[in-house]
């Protein structure tokens, strides 16, 4: 719960709350441990360096609060318009009664009949009643919100339906948003003379008693390959390096390249160039091969990016707490040119603030973790993955994707644009008909029947038009 300095030699920490990454991070003696990191492998000692109100978790909460205060509230058009429209219409109705009376003193031939001009003024008021606007515009937003919810997209207000139509920059978190957030074995490469299944059997057997996420992924992979594990004895852990175990009286080493170097076991130099997570194996003093593991992209991740580009959104970026090399690799697969890794929550906020300095940028941030909450609040539209996302992200976001599918971001923008188009059709219809009948009413041509149509009739037409949103979005 507090920031401090590591006093033990080394320990593995789950840093997902701060970085969003599922791979534990090894922190060594003298290095900083932040509030929200959870030790996974042993009891440790930490020297506290900051009180809670200055800890990493407290700073995240402060960032969320400050970002929320900086977000300008979006007001609907009808609210602004009503402040001007209502007094003008009442004033015009009064003038319709008074001006002819004043004119009758100027032109004595003009016969002023109070009842006639009062009737015209009342017809004018009935026509000008903004029922079509007051009813159909909110109904349009409700229709858009309802239609989006059928697609698994929850808008927290009609103003966000408006805001999402202006988005021209979309920034994604990586882990849990574009990727599954879980590790899977992607490749098995054995040394000459060793079968792949034999390599999998050795590595999975050594890792079978470990609680590390990578170890679990390897054991699950062995089960899927119908590989039977071997009994192991004398397992020893070398913190930050890997494991040693005895299998049939032979030592087997499983870990990273530094483990093999530590015991002077030769291995191919090209292994040092691999950026993905790798588990290397050696039997005795001989290199046996390696397993390559990586987080996997969600099925619709590529479609999500392609759909956004189809909507003419060219500025698409990734911000992640994962290593830069891994983030760059995923970005290349998705066709994204701008990807930034090694970022804590403060780093993501700083990057988003730089984007906001250009007033032309209207930014949507898409994330799922507690570490994403500050940038979700700071963006013009915050979109959270609601299925497996953290409570902090869901609470802070303006839009929640219940299905955890990144492709729903483009669908949310489409729903917003369709809703906006329907609403402006209703506004144009209401103003067009009302303006025409208002002029006719003021001239005494339109009767109360035309006034009722301009009010209730146009309102019914606008309502039926708004209902179309449900049918147009499937």
Protein backbone atom coordinates (compact mmCIF):
# COMPACT_ATOMS: atom_id res chain seq x y z
CA UNK A 1 0.00 0.00 0.00
CA UNK A 2 3.02 2.35 0.22
CA UNK A 3 6.03 3.32 -1.92
CA UNK A 4 9.40 2.15 -0.70
CA UNK A 5 12.83 0.69 -1.41
CA UNK A 6 13.54 -3.05 -1.75
CA UNK A 7 15.69 -4.49 1.07
CA UNK A 8 15.80 -8.13 -0.13
CA UNK A 9 18.12 -9.28 -2.89
CA UNK A 10 15.40 -9.80 -5.51
CA UNK A 11 11.68 -10.63 -5.77
CA UNK A 12 9.02 -10.89 -8.46
CA UNK A 13 6.15 -8.38 -8.40
CA UNK A 14 2.81 -8.29 -10.17
CA UNK A 15 2.71 -4.71 -11.49
CA UNK A 16 -0.56 -5.00 -13.45
CA UNK A 17 -2.34 -2.35 -11.36
CA UNK A 18 0.20 0.28 -12.45
CA UNK A 19 1.43 -0.90 -15.87
CA UNK A 20 -1.38 -3.20 -17.03
CA UNK A 21 1.17 -5.90 -17.85
CA UNK A 22 0.60 -9.50 -16.74
CA UNK A 23 4.29 -10.54 -16.66
CA UNK A 24 5.78 -10.16 -13.16
CA UNK A 25 8.70 -7.78 -12.89
CA UNK A 26 11.86 -8.59 -10.94
CA UNK A 27 12.86 -5.80 -8.54
CA UNK A 28 16.31 -5.97 -6.92
CA UNK A 29 17.79 -4.59 -3.73
CA UNK A 30 17.81 -0.79 -3.62
CA UNK A 31 15.24 -0.43 -6.43
CA UNK A 32 11.91 1.33 -5.94
CA UNK A 33 8.72 -0.59 -5.13
CA UNK A 34 5.49 1.33 -5.78
CA UNK A 35 2.12 1.11 -4.04
CA UNK A 36 -0.13 -1.27 -5.96
CA UNK A 37 2.64 -3.76 -6.81
CA UNK A 38 2.01 -7.23 -5.34
CA UNK A 39 4.87 -9.57 -4.43
CA UNK A 40 4.27 -13.06 -5.89
CA UNK A 41 7.02 -15.41 -4.74
CA UNK A 42 8.21 -14.71 -1.17
CA UNK A 43 8.00 -12.62 1.97
CA UNK A 44 10.02 -9.41 1.53
CA UNK A 45 11.09 -6.34 3.48
CA UNK A 46 10.56 -2.81 2.16
CA UNK A 47 11.74 0.49 3.60
CA UNK A 48 8.87 2.97 3.19
CA UNK A 49 9.94 6.26 1.58
CA UNK A 50 6.63 8.16 1.13
CA UNK A 51 3.37 8.53 3.08
CA UNK A 52 0.18 7.22 1.46
CA UNK A 53 -0.99 10.63 0.20
CA UNK A 54 2.16 10.82 -1.95
CA UNK A 55 2.21 7.17 -3.07
CA UNK A 56 1.73 5.90 -6.63
CA UNK A 57 -1.90 4.93 -5.96
CA UNK A 58 -2.71 8.32 -4.44
CA UNK A 59 -1.15 10.05 -7.45
CA UNK A 60 -3.36 8.02 -9.81
CA UNK A 61 -6.47 9.12 -7.90
CA UNK A 62 -5.27 12.73 -8.01
CA UNK A 63 -4.63 12.50 -11.75
CA UNK A 64 -8.17 11.20 -12.31
CA UNK A 65 -9.68 14.03 -10.26
CA UNK A 66 -7.63 16.75 -11.96
CA UNK A 67 -8.30 15.37 -15.44
CA UNK A 68 -12.05 15.22 -14.75
CA UNK A 69 -12.06 18.87 -13.71
CA UNK A 70 -10.27 19.86 -16.93
CA UNK A 71 -12.83 18.14 -19.14
CA UNK A 72 -15.28 20.78 -20.44
CA UNK A 73 -18.98 19.74 -20.17
CA UNK A 74 -20.69 19.24 -23.52
CA UNK A 75 -24.06 21.00 -23.74
CA UNK A 76 -26.71 19.92 -26.18
CA UNK A 77 -27.77 22.35 -28.88
CA UNK A 78 -31.37 22.63 -27.68
CA UNK A 79 -30.34 23.89 -24.24
CA UNK A 80 -28.37 26.79 -25.71
CA UNK A 81 -31.07 27.55 -28.24
CA UNK A 82 -33.93 27.62 -25.69
CA UNK A 83 -32.37 30.56 -23.83
CA UNK A 84 -32.71 32.70 -26.94
CA UNK A 85 -35.73 31.16 -28.69
CA UNK A 86 -38.34 31.37 -25.89
CA UNK A 87 -38.10 35.11 -25.05
CA UNK A 88 -37.91 36.05 -28.75
CA UNK A 89 -41.09 34.12 -29.60
CA UNK A 90 -43.04 35.59 -26.66
CA UNK A 91 -41.83 39.06 -27.62
CA UNK A 92 -42.94 38.58 -31.24
CA UNK A 93 -46.40 37.38 -30.12
CA UNK A 94 -46.82 40.54 -28.04
CA UNK A 95 -45.70 42.68 -30.98
CA UNK A 96 -48.27 41.00 -33.25
CA UNK A 97 -50.97 42.43 -30.94
CA UNK A 98 -49.39 45.82 -30.20
CA UNK A 99 -47.85 46.94 -33.53
CA UNK A 100 -51.12 46.92 -35.51
CA UNK A 101 -52.71 48.93 -32.67
CA UNK A 102 -49.92 51.53 -32.91
CA UNK A 103 -50.16 51.53 -36.71
CA UNK A 104 -53.92 52.28 -36.51
CA UNK A 105 -53.03 55.72 -35.02
CA UNK A 106 -50.72 56.43 -37.97
CA UNK A 107 -53.14 55.21 -40.66
CA UNK A 108 -56.68 56.10 -39.70
CA UNK A 109 -58.01 53.99 -42.61
CA UNK A 110 -56.59 50.85 -40.93
CA UNK A 111 -59.28 49.06 -38.93
CA UNK A 112 -57.77 47.47 -35.84
CA UNK A 113 -59.79 44.58 -34.37
CA UNK A 114 -58.24 43.42 -31.10
CA UNK A 115 -59.79 39.91 -31.20
CA UNK A 116 -58.41 39.21 -34.70
CA UNK A 117 -54.85 40.18 -33.79
CA UNK A 118 -55.03 38.37 -30.43
CA UNK A 119 -56.16 35.21 -32.32
CA UNK A 120 -53.19 35.60 -34.70
CA UNK A 121 -50.82 36.02 -31.75
CA UNK A 122 -52.19 32.90 -30.07
CA UNK A 123 -51.89 30.92 -33.33
CA UNK A 124 -48.32 32.22 -33.55
CA UNK A 125 -47.58 30.98 -30.00
CA UNK A 126 -49.08 27.53 -30.69
CA UNK A 127 -46.99 27.20 -33.83
CA UNK A 128 -43.84 28.31 -32.06
CA UNK A 129 -44.25 25.84 -29.18
CA UNK A 130 -41.00 23.81 -29.35
CA UNK A 131 -42.57 20.37 -28.75
CA UNK A 132 -40.88 18.86 -31.80
CA UNK A 133 -37.50 19.96 -30.52
CA UNK A 134 -38.06 19.27 -26.83
CA UNK A 135 -39.42 15.76 -27.47
CA UNK A 136 -37.64 14.53 -30.58
CA UNK A 137 -34.08 15.66 -29.79
CA UNK A 138 -33.77 13.91 -26.40
CA UNK A 139 -35.63 10.94 -27.91
CA UNK A 140 -33.00 10.84 -30.67
CA UNK A 141 -30.25 10.58 -28.07
CA UNK A 142 -32.18 7.96 -26.10
CA UNK A 143 -32.65 6.02 -29.34
CA UNK A 144 -28.94 6.21 -30.10
CA UNK A 145 -28.00 5.12 -26.56
CA UNK A 146 -30.50 2.24 -26.73
CA UNK A 147 -29.33 1.09 -30.15
CA UNK A 148 -25.69 1.20 -29.01
CA UNK A 149 -26.52 -0.86 -25.91
CA UNK A 150 -27.89 -3.61 -28.16
CA UNK A 151 -24.40 -3.74 -29.71
CA UNK A 152 -22.78 -4.03 -26.27
CA UNK A 153 -21.78 -0.35 -26.12
CA UNK A 154 -22.91 1.76 -23.15
CA UNK A 155 -22.90 5.56 -23.54
CA UNK A 156 -23.15 7.35 -20.19
CA UNK A 157 -24.94 10.36 -21.70
CA UNK A 158 -26.23 11.89 -24.91
CA UNK A 159 -23.43 14.47 -24.88
CA UNK A 160 -20.89 11.67 -25.43
CA UNK A 161 -22.81 10.60 -28.55
CA UNK A 162 -22.11 14.12 -29.82
CA UNK A 163 -18.50 14.17 -28.64
CA UNK A 164 -17.58 10.85 -30.26
CA UNK A 165 -18.58 12.12 -33.71
CA UNK A 166 -15.78 14.72 -33.57
CA UNK A 167 -13.00 12.19 -32.72
CA UNK A 168 -10.02 12.30 -35.08
CA UNK A 169 -7.37 10.70 -32.81
CA UNK A 170 -7.72 7.29 -31.12
CA UNK A 171 -5.18 6.12 -28.53
CA UNK A 172 -5.22 2.48 -27.38
CA UNK A 173 -3.82 0.76 -24.35
CA UNK A 174 -2.25 -2.58 -25.38
CA UNK A 175 -2.66 -5.31 -22.78
CA UNK A 176 -6.29 -6.32 -22.25
CA UNK A 177 -7.49 -3.83 -24.85
CA UNK A 178 -5.88 -4.89 -28.12
CA UNK A 179 -4.48 -8.15 -26.71
CA UNK A 180 -5.90 -10.98 -24.62
CA UNK A 181 -3.71 -10.12 -21.62
CA UNK A 182 -2.62 -13.74 -21.21
CA UNK A 183 0.52 -15.51 -22.40
CA UNK A 184 0.53 -18.39 -24.89
CA UNK A 185 3.37 -20.40 -26.39
CA UNK A 186 3.88 -19.09 -29.92
CA UNK A 187 6.88 -21.12 -31.05
CA UNK A 188 8.97 -24.11 -29.95
CA UNK A 189 12.51 -24.28 -31.36
CA UNK A 190 14.62 -27.26 -30.29
CA UNK A 191 18.34 -27.78 -30.81
CA UNK A 192 19.53 -30.40 -33.31
CA UNK A 193 19.04 -33.94 -32.07
CA UNK A 194 16.16 -33.06 -29.73
CA UNK A 195 12.50 -33.45 -30.65
CA UNK A 196 10.13 -30.55 -30.01
CA UNK A 197 7.81 -32.67 -27.85
CA UNK A 198 10.79 -33.76 -25.76
CA UNK A 199 11.74 -30.09 -25.23
CA UNK A 200 8.17 -29.20 -24.23
CA UNK A 201 8.08 -32.16 -21.82
CA UNK A 202 11.32 -31.10 -20.10
CA UNK A 203 10.43 -27.40 -19.75
CA UNK A 204 6.84 -28.06 -18.61
CA UNK A 205 8.01 -30.64 -16.07
CA UNK A 206 10.47 -28.21 -14.47
CA UNK A 207 7.88 -25.40 -14.48
CA UNK A 208 5.01 -27.58 -13.19
CA UNK A 209 5.35 -26.47 -9.55
CA UNK A 210 5.79 -22.77 -10.30
CA UNK A 211 2.98 -20.20 -9.88
CA UNK A 212 4.55 -17.78 -12.39
CA UNK A 213 2.16 -16.82 -15.27
CA UNK A 214 4.74 -17.91 -17.85
CA UNK A 215 5.15 -21.29 -16.13
CA UNK A 216 1.38 -21.77 -16.11
CA UNK A 217 1.20 -20.94 -19.82
CA UNK A 218 3.87 -23.54 -20.63
CA UNK A 219 2.18 -26.27 -18.53
CA UNK A 220 -1.19 -25.53 -20.18
CA UNK A 221 0.47 -25.71 -23.60
CA UNK A 222 1.95 -29.12 -22.73
CA UNK A 223 -1.51 -30.37 -21.75
CA UNK A 224 -2.97 -29.16 -25.06
CA UNK A 225 -0.17 -31.04 -26.85
CA UNK A 226 -1.00 -34.19 -24.82
CA UNK A 227 2.51 -34.23 -23.36
CA UNK A 228 2.89 -36.21 -20.14
CA UNK A 229 5.06 -34.51 -17.53
CA UNK A 230 8.07 -36.18 -15.92
CA UNK A 231 8.73 -36.42 -12.16
CA UNK A 232 11.26 -33.82 -10.99
CA UNK A 233 13.38 -33.62 -7.85
CA UNK A 234 15.72 -31.13 -6.23
CA UNK A 235 14.17 -28.02 -7.76
CA UNK A 236 16.18 -24.87 -7.05
CA UNK A 237 15.18 -21.32 -7.93
CA UNK A 238 17.66 -18.65 -8.96
CA UNK A 239 15.73 -15.39 -8.50
CA UNK A 240 15.71 -13.35 -11.67
CA UNK A 241 17.29 -16.18 -13.69
CA UNK A 242 15.20 -19.36 -13.65
CA UNK A 243 15.05 -22.90 -12.25
CA UNK A 244 17.22 -26.00 -11.95
CA UNK A 245 15.71 -29.45 -11.43
CA UNK A 246 16.79 -33.08 -11.64
CA UNK A 247 15.01 -35.32 -14.16
CA UNK A 248 16.11 -38.95 -14.26
CA UNK A 249 19.32 -37.98 -12.50
CA UNK A 250 20.22 -35.28 -15.06
CA UNK A 251 20.17 -31.53 -14.22
CA UNK A 252 17.80 -29.51 -16.41
CA UNK A 253 18.03 -25.71 -16.56
CA UNK A 254 14.97 -23.61 -17.51
CA UNK A 255 15.02 -19.81 -17.51
CA UNK A 256 16.51 -16.89 -19.41
CA UNK A 257 19.81 -16.54 -21.27
CA UNK A 258 21.44 -15.09 -18.17
CA UNK A 259 20.80 -18.40 -16.38
CA UNK A 260 22.78 -20.29 -19.01
CA UNK A 261 25.57 -17.70 -18.93
CA UNK A 262 25.69 -17.96 -15.14
CA UNK A 263 26.60 -21.65 -15.43
CA UNK A 264 28.79 -21.27 -18.54
CA UNK A 265 26.40 -23.09 -20.88
CA UNK A 266 26.88 -22.05 -24.50
CA UNK A 267 23.83 -21.04 -26.56
CA UNK A 268 23.27 -19.44 -30.03
CA UNK A 269 24.11 -15.72 -30.07
CA UNK A 270 20.95 -14.90 -32.07
CA UNK A 271 18.83 -15.60 -28.95
CA UNK A 272 19.98 -12.23 -27.57
CA UNK A 273 18.25 -10.48 -30.49
CA UNK A 274 14.79 -11.92 -29.71
CA UNK A 275 12.52 -9.29 -28.11
CA UNK A 276 9.57 -11.50 -27.16
CA UNK A 277 9.40 -13.41 -23.87
CA UNK A 278 11.59 -16.49 -24.17
CA UNK A 279 12.22 -19.54 -21.94
CA UNK A 280 15.54 -21.26 -22.67
CA UNK A 281 16.33 -24.87 -21.73
CA UNK A 282 19.60 -26.78 -21.22
CA UNK A 283 20.18 -30.44 -20.36
CA UNK A 284 23.32 -30.79 -18.28
CA UNK A 285 25.82 -28.55 -20.04
CA UNK A 286 24.13 -28.73 -23.47
CA UNK A 287 21.74 -26.15 -24.89
CA UNK A 288 18.39 -27.86 -25.75
CA UNK A 289 16.25 -25.09 -27.30
CA UNK A 290 13.70 -22.46 -26.33
CA UNK A 291 9.99 -21.70 -26.14
CA UNK A 292 8.73 -18.33 -27.36
CA UNK A 293 5.75 -16.85 -25.51
CA UNK A 294 3.74 -13.75 -26.22
CA UNK A 295 0.49 -12.07 -25.45
CA UNK A 296 -1.90 -12.64 -28.36
CA UNK A 297 -3.92 -10.07 -30.27
CA UNK A 298 -7.69 -10.17 -29.90
CA UNK A 299 -9.47 -11.66 -32.90
CA UNK A 300 -10.90 -8.34 -34.01
CA UNK A 301 -7.89 -6.14 -33.16
CA UNK A 302 -6.79 -5.74 -36.79
CA UNK A 303 -10.40 -5.14 -37.88
CA UNK A 304 -10.69 -2.44 -35.20
CA UNK A 305 -7.78 -0.49 -36.67
CA UNK A 306 -8.92 -1.00 -40.28
CA UNK A 307 -12.47 0.16 -39.44
CA UNK A 308 -11.13 3.34 -37.80
CA UNK A 309 -9.04 4.08 -40.89
CA UNK A 310 -12.18 3.60 -43.01
CA UNK A 311 -13.76 6.35 -40.91
CA UNK A 312 -10.84 8.62 -41.94
CA UNK A 313 -9.22 8.49 -38.49
CA UNK A 314 -5.54 8.44 -39.38
CA UNK A 315 -3.93 9.32 -36.04
CA UNK A 316 -4.03 5.98 -34.17
CA UNK A 317 -1.52 5.34 -31.37
CA UNK A 318 -0.65 2.79 -28.67
CA UNK A 319 0.42 3.68 -25.12
CA UNK A 320 1.57 0.80 -22.94
CA UNK A 321 3.50 -0.08 -19.81
CA UNK A 322 5.07 -3.04 -21.64
CA UNK A 323 8.58 -3.03 -23.11
CA UNK A 324 9.04 -0.76 -26.14
CA UNK A 325 10.25 -3.62 -28.36
CA UNK A 326 7.11 -5.68 -27.66
CA UNK A 327 4.79 -2.69 -28.17
CA UNK A 328 6.51 -1.87 -31.48
CA UNK A 329 6.09 -5.48 -32.61
CA UNK A 330 2.32 -5.44 -31.97
CA UNK A 331 1.98 -2.02 -33.61
CA UNK A 332 3.62 -3.30 -36.80
CA UNK A 333 1.19 -6.24 -36.92
CA UNK A 334 -1.76 -3.86 -36.63
CA UNK A 335 -0.46 -1.24 -39.04
CA UNK A 336 -0.02 1.46 -36.38
CA UNK A 337 2.95 3.77 -36.87
CA UNK A 338 3.04 5.42 -33.43
CA UNK A 339 3.53 3.17 -30.40
CA UNK A 340 5.04 4.08 -27.02
CA UNK A 341 6.09 1.60 -24.32
CA UNK A 342 7.62 1.61 -20.82
CA UNK A 343 4.96 4.08 -19.60
CA UNK A 344 3.61 4.40 -16.05
CA UNK A 345 0.26 6.25 -15.55
CA UNK A 346 2.09 9.61 -15.28
CA UNK A 347 3.80 8.95 -18.61
CA UNK A 348 0.50 8.22 -20.34
CA UNK A 349 -1.02 11.42 -18.92
CA UNK A 350 1.98 13.46 -20.07
CA UNK A 351 1.71 12.04 -23.60
CA UNK A 352 -2.02 12.75 -23.77
CA UNK A 353 -1.51 16.30 -22.53
CA UNK A 354 0.99 16.83 -25.36
CA UNK A 355 -1.64 15.63 -27.85
CA UNK A 356 -4.22 17.99 -26.32
CA UNK A 357 -1.94 20.98 -26.82
CA UNK A 358 -3.00 20.84 -30.48
CA UNK A 359 -6.62 22.04 -30.24
CA UNK A 360 -7.42 20.34 -33.55
CA UNK A 361 -6.98 16.92 -31.89
CA UNK A 362 -10.19 15.39 -30.54
CA UNK A 363 -8.96 12.36 -28.61
CA UNK A 364 -10.57 9.08 -27.62
CA UNK A 365 -8.57 6.85 -25.29
CA UNK A 366 -9.40 3.14 -25.10
CA UNK A 367 -8.20 1.20 -22.04
CA UNK A 368 -9.13 -1.36 -19.41
CA UNK A 369 -6.86 -1.07 -16.36
CA UNK A 370 -6.73 1.02 -13.22
CA UNK A 371 -3.55 2.57 -14.63
CA UNK A 372 -5.64 3.86 -17.58
CA UNK A 373 -8.13 5.77 -15.39
CA UNK A 374 -6.26 9.12 -15.48
CA UNK A 375 -6.00 9.18 -19.30
CA UNK A 376 -9.60 7.99 -19.67
CA UNK A 377 -10.64 11.04 -17.64
CA UNK A 378 -8.33 13.42 -19.52
CA UNK A 379 -9.35 12.39 -23.05
CA UNK A 380 -12.29 14.03 -24.82
CA UNK A 381 -14.01 10.62 -24.85
CA UNK A 382 -12.82 7.82 -22.55
CA UNK A 383 -13.73 4.28 -23.69
CA UNK A 384 -13.29 1.36 -21.26
CA UNK A 385 -13.37 -2.38 -21.86
CA UNK A 386 -16.22 -3.35 -19.51
CA UNK A 387 -16.04 -7.15 -19.53
CA UNK A 388 -12.70 -7.66 -17.78
CA UNK A 389 -11.81 -4.02 -17.19
CA UNK A 390 -11.07 -2.61 -13.74
CA UNK A 391 -13.76 -0.81 -11.73
CA UNK A 392 -11.68 2.38 -11.82
CA UNK A 393 -11.56 2.38 -15.64
CA UNK A 394 -15.29 1.64 -16.01
CA UNK A 395 -16.23 4.32 -13.48
CA UNK A 396 -14.06 6.97 -15.15
CA UNK A 397 -14.92 6.22 -18.78
CA UNK A 398 -17.62 7.98 -20.80
CA UNK A 399 -18.32 4.90 -22.96
CA UNK A 400 -18.09 1.26 -21.86
CA UNK A 401 -17.65 -1.63 -24.33
CA UNK A 402 -19.29 -4.57 -22.55
CA UNK A 403 -17.96 -7.21 -24.97
CA UNK A 404 -14.26 -6.20 -24.65
CA UNK A 405 -14.03 -6.02 -28.47
CA UNK A 406 -11.85 -3.13 -29.75
CA UNK A 407 -13.78 -3.17 -33.06
CA UNK A 408 -16.74 -1.73 -31.14
CA UNK A 409 -14.90 1.62 -30.99
CA UNK A 410 -15.58 2.20 -34.70
CA UNK A 411 -19.18 1.03 -34.24
CA UNK A 412 -19.63 3.51 -31.38
CA UNK A 413 -18.45 6.32 -33.67
CA UNK A 414 -20.88 5.16 -36.39
CA UNK A 415 -23.77 5.13 -33.90
CA UNK A 416 -22.85 8.65 -32.79
CA UNK A 417 -22.73 9.96 -36.35
CA UNK A 418 -26.05 8.31 -37.30
CA UNK A 419 -27.73 9.71 -34.17
CA UNK A 420 -26.38 13.17 -34.90
CA UNK A 421 -27.63 13.00 -38.49
CA UNK A 422 -31.15 11.97 -37.39
CA UNK A 423 -31.26 14.74 -34.77
CA UNK A 424 -30.23 17.42 -37.27
CA UNK A 425 -32.87 16.12 -39.68
CA UNK A 426 -35.44 16.64 -36.92
CA UNK A 427 -34.12 20.12 -36.14
CA UNK A 428 -34.26 21.11 -39.82
CA UNK A 429 -37.77 19.66 -40.23
CA UNK A 430 -39.08 21.40 -37.10
CA UNK A 431 -37.56 24.79 -37.95
CA UNK A 432 -38.49 24.64 -41.62
CA UNK A 433 -42.18 23.86 -41.05
CA UNK A 434 -42.50 26.18 -38.06
CA UNK A 435 -40.87 29.11 -39.85
CA UNK A 436 -43.20 28.70 -42.82
CA UNK A 437 -46.38 28.42 -40.71
CA UNK A 438 -45.21 31.21 -38.37
CA UNK A 439 -45.03 33.60 -41.30
CA UNK A 440 -48.45 32.45 -42.56
CA UNK A 441 -49.90 32.71 -39.04
CA UNK A 442 -48.59 36.22 -38.50
CA UNK A 443 -50.19 37.21 -41.82
CA UNK A 444 -53.52 35.69 -40.82
CA UNK A 445 -53.36 32.99 -43.51
CA UNK A 446 -52.68 30.00 -41.22
CA UNK A 447 -55.47 28.94 -38.87
CA UNK A 448 -55.39 26.99 -35.63
CA UNK A 449 -55.43 23.71 -37.59
CA UNK A 450 -52.16 24.57 -39.33
CA UNK A 451 -50.77 25.68 -35.95
CA UNK A 452 -51.64 22.31 -34.38
CA UNK A 453 -49.94 20.49 -37.30
CA UNK A 454 -46.83 22.68 -36.99
CA UNK A 455 -46.66 21.79 -33.30
CA UNK A 456 -48.01 18.28 -32.65
CA UNK A 457 -47.84 17.00 -36.23
CA UNK A 458 -44.19 17.91 -36.71
CA UNK A 459 -43.42 16.49 -33.26
CA UNK A 460 -44.94 13.14 -34.28
CA UNK A 461 -42.98 13.14 -37.55
CA UNK A 462 -39.77 13.90 -35.67
CA UNK A 463 -40.47 11.12 -33.15
CA UNK A 464 -41.03 8.58 -35.95
CA UNK A 465 -37.79 9.71 -37.57
CA UNK A 466 -35.93 9.28 -34.27
CA UNK A 467 -37.31 5.75 -33.86
CA UNK A 468 -35.62 4.83 -37.17
CA UNK A 469 -32.26 4.75 -35.33
CA UNK A 470 -33.20 1.44 -33.72
CA UNK A 471 -33.91 -0.13 -37.11
CA UNK A 472 -30.91 1.35 -38.90
CA UNK A 473 -28.43 0.02 -36.30
CA UNK A 474 -28.21 -3.77 -36.21
